[in-house]
Amino acid sequence: MLTTILNFNALAFVVKFDALAEVLVTTLIFVFIGIAFFAVAYGILSRMFPIKKEIEHDQNVALGIVVGSIMIGIALIIAAAIQG
């Protein structure tokens, strides 16, 4: 039963050596785009809220959880956009 649930071909994840450079370049491009989006999102959040003061000086754990949740949400959106 477990094999029917996990019915996928392990060889589908193998990249041929000829296409390895192209896959690596594409991956690096998407990594830099994702990091740029995170930087922009954090910049917008830090302008909207006093994140540094609240988290570092006032030790506001709730704001840290909210900012972390927002970053995870942005990561999921970026991953879905990259995957297509």
N, C-alpha and C. Protein backbone atom coordinates (compact mmCIF):
# COMPACT_ATOMS: atom_id res chain seq x y z
N MET A 1 0.82 -1.19 0.00
CA MET A 1 0.00 0.00 0.00
C MET A 1 0.87 1.25 0.00
N LEU A 2 1.95 1.21 0.76
CA LEU A 2 2.83 2.37 0.80
C LEU A 2 3.46 2.63 -0.56
N THR A 3 3.75 1.58 -1.31
CA THR A 3 4.34 1.78 -2.63
C THR A 3 3.34 2.39 -3.60
N THR A 4 2.06 2.12 -3.43
CA THR A 4 1.08 2.77 -4.30
C THR A 4 0.89 4.24 -3.93
N ILE A 5 1.02 4.56 -2.65
CA ILE A 5 0.91 5.96 -2.24
C ILE A 5 2.11 6.75 -2.75
N LEU A 6 3.28 6.17 -2.63
CA LEU A 6 4.51 6.84 -3.04
C LEU A 6 4.94 6.39 -4.43
N ASN A 7 4.02 6.33 -5.36
CA ASN A 7 4.32 5.83 -6.70
C ASN A 7 4.93 6.95 -7.54
N PHE A 8 6.24 7.04 -7.52
CA PHE A 8 6.94 8.00 -8.36
C PHE A 8 8.24 7.37 -8.82
N ASN A 9 8.75 7.88 -9.90
CA ASN A 9 9.97 7.34 -10.48
C ASN A 9 11.16 8.12 -9.92
N ALA A 10 12.05 7.45 -9.24
CA ALA A 10 13.22 8.11 -8.65
C ALA A 10 14.16 8.64 -9.72
N LEU A 11 14.15 8.05 -10.90
CA LEU A 11 15.03 8.51 -11.96
C LEU A 11 14.55 9.81 -12.59
N ALA A 12 13.35 10.25 -12.27
CA ALA A 12 12.85 11.52 -12.80
C ALA A 12 13.61 12.70 -12.24
N PHE A 13 14.29 12.53 -11.12
CA PHE A 13 15.03 13.61 -10.49
C PHE A 13 16.48 13.69 -10.96
N VAL A 14 16.90 12.76 -11.80
CA VAL A 14 18.28 12.73 -12.27
C VAL A 14 18.43 13.67 -13.46
N VAL A 15 19.46 14.51 -13.43
CA VAL A 15 19.75 15.43 -14.52
C VAL A 15 20.94 14.89 -15.29
N LYS A 16 20.81 14.84 -16.60
CA LYS A 16 21.93 14.37 -17.41
C LYS A 16 23.07 15.38 -17.36
N PHE A 17 24.27 14.89 -17.51
CA PHE A 17 25.46 15.73 -17.39
C PHE A 17 25.48 16.84 -18.43
N ASP A 18 24.92 16.59 -19.61
CA ASP A 18 24.90 17.62 -20.66
C ASP A 18 24.07 18.83 -20.24
N ALA A 19 22.99 18.60 -19.52
CA ALA A 19 22.09 19.69 -19.13
C ALA A 19 22.40 20.24 -17.74
N LEU A 20 23.45 19.73 -17.10
CA LEU A 20 23.74 20.13 -15.72
C LEU A 20 24.08 21.61 -15.61
N ALA A 21 24.89 22.12 -16.53
CA ALA A 21 25.27 23.54 -16.48
C ALA A 21 24.04 24.44 -16.63
N GLU A 22 23.16 24.08 -17.55
CA GLU A 22 21.95 24.89 -17.76
C GLU A 22 21.06 24.87 -16.52
N VAL A 23 20.93 23.72 -15.90
CA VAL A 23 20.10 23.61 -14.70
C VAL A 23 20.72 24.41 -13.55
N LEU A 24 22.03 24.35 -13.40
CA LEU A 24 22.70 25.10 -12.34
C LEU A 24 22.56 26.61 -12.53
N VAL A 25 22.72 27.07 -13.76
CA VAL A 25 22.59 28.50 -14.04
C VAL A 25 21.16 28.96 -13.76
N THR A 26 20.19 28.18 -14.21
CA THR A 26 18.79 28.53 -13.96
C THR A 26 18.49 28.56 -12.46
N THR A 27 19.02 27.59 -11.74
CA THR A 27 18.81 27.55 -10.29
C THR A 27 19.42 28.77 -9.62
N LEU A 28 20.63 29.13 -10.00
CA LEU A 28 21.28 30.31 -9.41
C LEU A 28 20.52 31.59 -9.72
N ILE A 29 19.99 31.70 -10.92
CA ILE A 29 19.19 32.88 -11.28
C ILE A 29 17.96 32.98 -10.38
N PHE A 30 17.27 31.85 -10.20
CA PHE A 30 16.08 31.86 -9.35
C PHE A 30 16.43 32.12 -7.89
N VAL A 31 17.60 31.65 -7.44
CA VAL A 31 18.03 31.92 -6.07
C VAL A 31 18.23 33.42 -5.87
N PHE A 32 18.91 34.07 -6.80
CA PHE A 32 19.14 35.50 -6.67
C PHE A 32 17.84 36.30 -6.77
N ILE A 33 16.92 35.86 -7.62
CA ILE A 33 15.63 36.53 -7.71
C ILE A 33 14.86 36.38 -6.39
N GLY A 34 14.89 35.18 -5.81
CA GLY A 34 14.22 34.95 -4.53
C GLY A 34 14.81 35.78 -3.41
N ILE A 35 16.14 35.86 -3.36
CA ILE A 35 16.80 36.67 -2.33
C ILE A 35 16.46 38.15 -2.52
N ALA A 36 16.38 38.60 -3.77
CA ALA A 36 16.01 40.00 -4.02
C ALA A 36 14.58 40.28 -3.55
N PHE A 37 13.67 39.34 -3.81
CA PHE A 37 12.29 39.52 -3.33
C PHE A 37 12.23 39.56 -1.81
N PHE A 38 13.02 38.70 -1.15
CA PHE A 38 13.05 38.73 0.31
C PHE A 38 13.59 40.05 0.82
N ALA A 39 14.62 40.58 0.18
CA ALA A 39 15.18 41.86 0.61
C ALA A 39 14.16 42.99 0.45
N VAL A 40 13.45 42.98 -0.67
CA VAL A 40 12.42 44.00 -0.90
C VAL A 40 11.29 43.86 0.12
N ALA A 41 10.87 42.62 0.37
CA ALA A 41 9.78 42.40 1.33
C ALA A 41 10.20 42.83 2.73
N TYR A 42 11.42 42.51 3.13
CA TYR A 42 11.89 42.92 4.46
C TYR A 42 12.03 44.44 4.53
N GLY A 43 12.47 45.06 3.44
CA GLY A 43 12.56 46.52 3.41
C GLY A 43 11.21 47.18 3.57
N ILE A 44 10.21 46.63 2.90
CA ILE A 44 8.85 47.17 3.03
C ILE A 44 8.33 46.98 4.45
N LEU A 45 8.55 45.78 5.01
CA LEU A 45 8.09 45.53 6.38
C LEU A 45 8.79 46.43 7.39
N SER A 46 10.09 46.64 7.20
CA SER A 46 10.81 47.47 8.17
C SER A 46 10.42 48.94 8.07
N ARG A 47 9.95 49.37 6.90
CA ARG A 47 9.45 50.75 6.78
C ARG A 47 8.05 50.89 7.37
N MET A 48 7.26 49.81 7.29
CA MET A 48 5.90 49.86 7.83
C MET A 48 5.89 49.74 9.36
N PHE A 49 6.76 48.88 9.89
CA PHE A 49 6.78 48.62 11.33
C PHE A 49 8.20 48.84 11.85
N PRO A 50 8.33 49.28 13.10
CA PRO A 50 9.68 49.40 13.69
C PRO A 50 10.20 48.03 14.13
N ILE A 51 10.56 47.19 13.16
CA ILE A 51 10.91 45.79 13.44
C ILE A 51 12.16 45.69 14.31
N LYS A 52 13.19 46.43 13.94
CA LYS A 52 14.45 46.30 14.67
C LYS A 52 14.29 46.71 16.13
N LYS A 53 13.61 47.81 16.37
CA LYS A 53 13.42 48.27 17.75
C LYS A 53 12.57 47.28 18.54
N GLU A 54 11.50 46.81 17.94
CA GLU A 54 10.57 45.93 18.66
C GLU A 54 11.19 44.57 18.96
N ILE A 55 11.90 43.99 17.98
CA ILE A 55 12.44 42.65 18.18
C ILE A 55 13.72 42.68 19.01
N GLU A 56 14.65 43.57 18.66
CA GLU A 56 15.95 43.56 19.34
C GLU A 56 15.93 44.25 20.69
N HIS A 57 15.33 45.41 20.77
CA HIS A 57 15.40 46.18 22.01
C HIS A 57 14.28 45.82 22.99
N ASP A 58 13.05 45.70 22.48
CA ASP A 58 11.92 45.41 23.35
C ASP A 58 11.67 43.92 23.53
N GLN A 59 12.40 43.07 22.81
CA GLN A 59 12.27 41.61 22.89
C GLN A 59 10.82 41.16 22.63
N ASN A 60 10.22 41.71 21.58
CA ASN A 60 8.84 41.39 21.23
C ASN A 60 8.81 40.09 20.42
N VAL A 61 8.51 39.00 21.09
CA VAL A 61 8.50 37.68 20.45
C VAL A 61 7.35 37.56 19.46
N ALA A 62 6.22 38.16 19.76
CA ALA A 62 5.06 38.07 18.88
C ALA A 62 5.35 38.68 17.52
N LEU A 63 6.03 39.81 17.49
CA LEU A 63 6.38 40.42 16.22
C LEU A 63 7.38 39.56 15.46
N GLY A 64 8.29 38.91 16.16
CA GLY A 64 9.22 38.00 15.51
C GLY A 64 8.49 36.84 14.85
N ILE A 65 7.47 36.32 15.51
CA ILE A 65 6.68 35.24 14.94
C ILE A 65 5.92 35.72 13.72
N VAL A 66 5.35 36.92 13.79
CA VAL A 66 4.61 37.48 12.65
C VAL A 66 5.53 37.70 11.46
N VAL A 67 6.70 38.28 11.68
CA VAL A 67 7.64 38.53 10.59
C VAL A 67 8.11 37.21 9.99
N GLY A 68 8.39 36.22 10.84
CA GLY A 68 8.78 34.91 10.34
C GLY A 68 7.68 34.27 9.51
N SER A 69 6.44 34.40 9.95
CA SER A 69 5.30 33.85 9.21
C SER A 69 5.13 34.53 7.87
N ILE A 70 5.33 35.83 7.84
CA ILE A 70 5.23 36.57 6.58
C ILE A 70 6.32 36.12 5.62
N MET A 71 7.53 35.92 6.13
CA MET A 71 8.64 35.47 5.27
C MET A 71 8.39 34.06 4.74
N ILE A 72 7.82 33.18 5.56
CA ILE A 72 7.49 31.84 5.08
C ILE A 72 6.41 31.91 4.01
N GLY A 73 5.42 32.77 4.20
CA GLY A 73 4.39 32.96 3.18
C GLY A 73 4.95 33.48 1.88
N ILE A 74 5.86 34.44 1.95
CA ILE A 74 6.50 34.97 0.75
C ILE A 74 7.32 33.88 0.07
N ALA A 75 8.01 33.05 0.87
CA ALA A 75 8.80 31.96 0.31
C ALA A 75 7.91 30.96 -0.44
N LEU A 76 6.75 30.66 0.11
CA LEU A 76 5.84 29.74 -0.57
C LEU A 76 5.32 30.33 -1.87
N ILE A 77 5.03 31.62 -1.88
CA ILE A 77 4.56 32.27 -3.10
C ILE A 77 5.66 32.29 -4.16
N ILE A 78 6.89 32.60 -3.76
CA ILE A 78 8.01 32.62 -4.70
C ILE A 78 8.26 31.22 -5.24
N ALA A 79 8.21 30.20 -4.38
CA ALA A 79 8.43 28.83 -4.83
C ALA A 79 7.36 28.39 -5.82
N ALA A 80 6.12 28.76 -5.57
CA ALA A 80 5.05 28.41 -6.50
C ALA A 80 5.19 29.14 -7.82
N ALA A 81 5.63 30.39 -7.77
CA ALA A 81 5.82 31.15 -9.01
C ALA A 81 6.98 30.60 -9.83
N ILE A 82 8.05 30.18 -9.16
CA ILE A 82 9.20 29.63 -9.88
C ILE A 82 8.86 28.27 -10.47
N GLN A 83 8.14 27.45 -9.72
CA GLN A 83 7.82 26.11 -10.18
C GLN A 83 6.81 26.14 -11.32
N GLY A 84 5.95 27.12 -11.33
CA GLY A 84 5.00 27.28 -12.42
C GLY A 84 3.79 26.52 -12.19
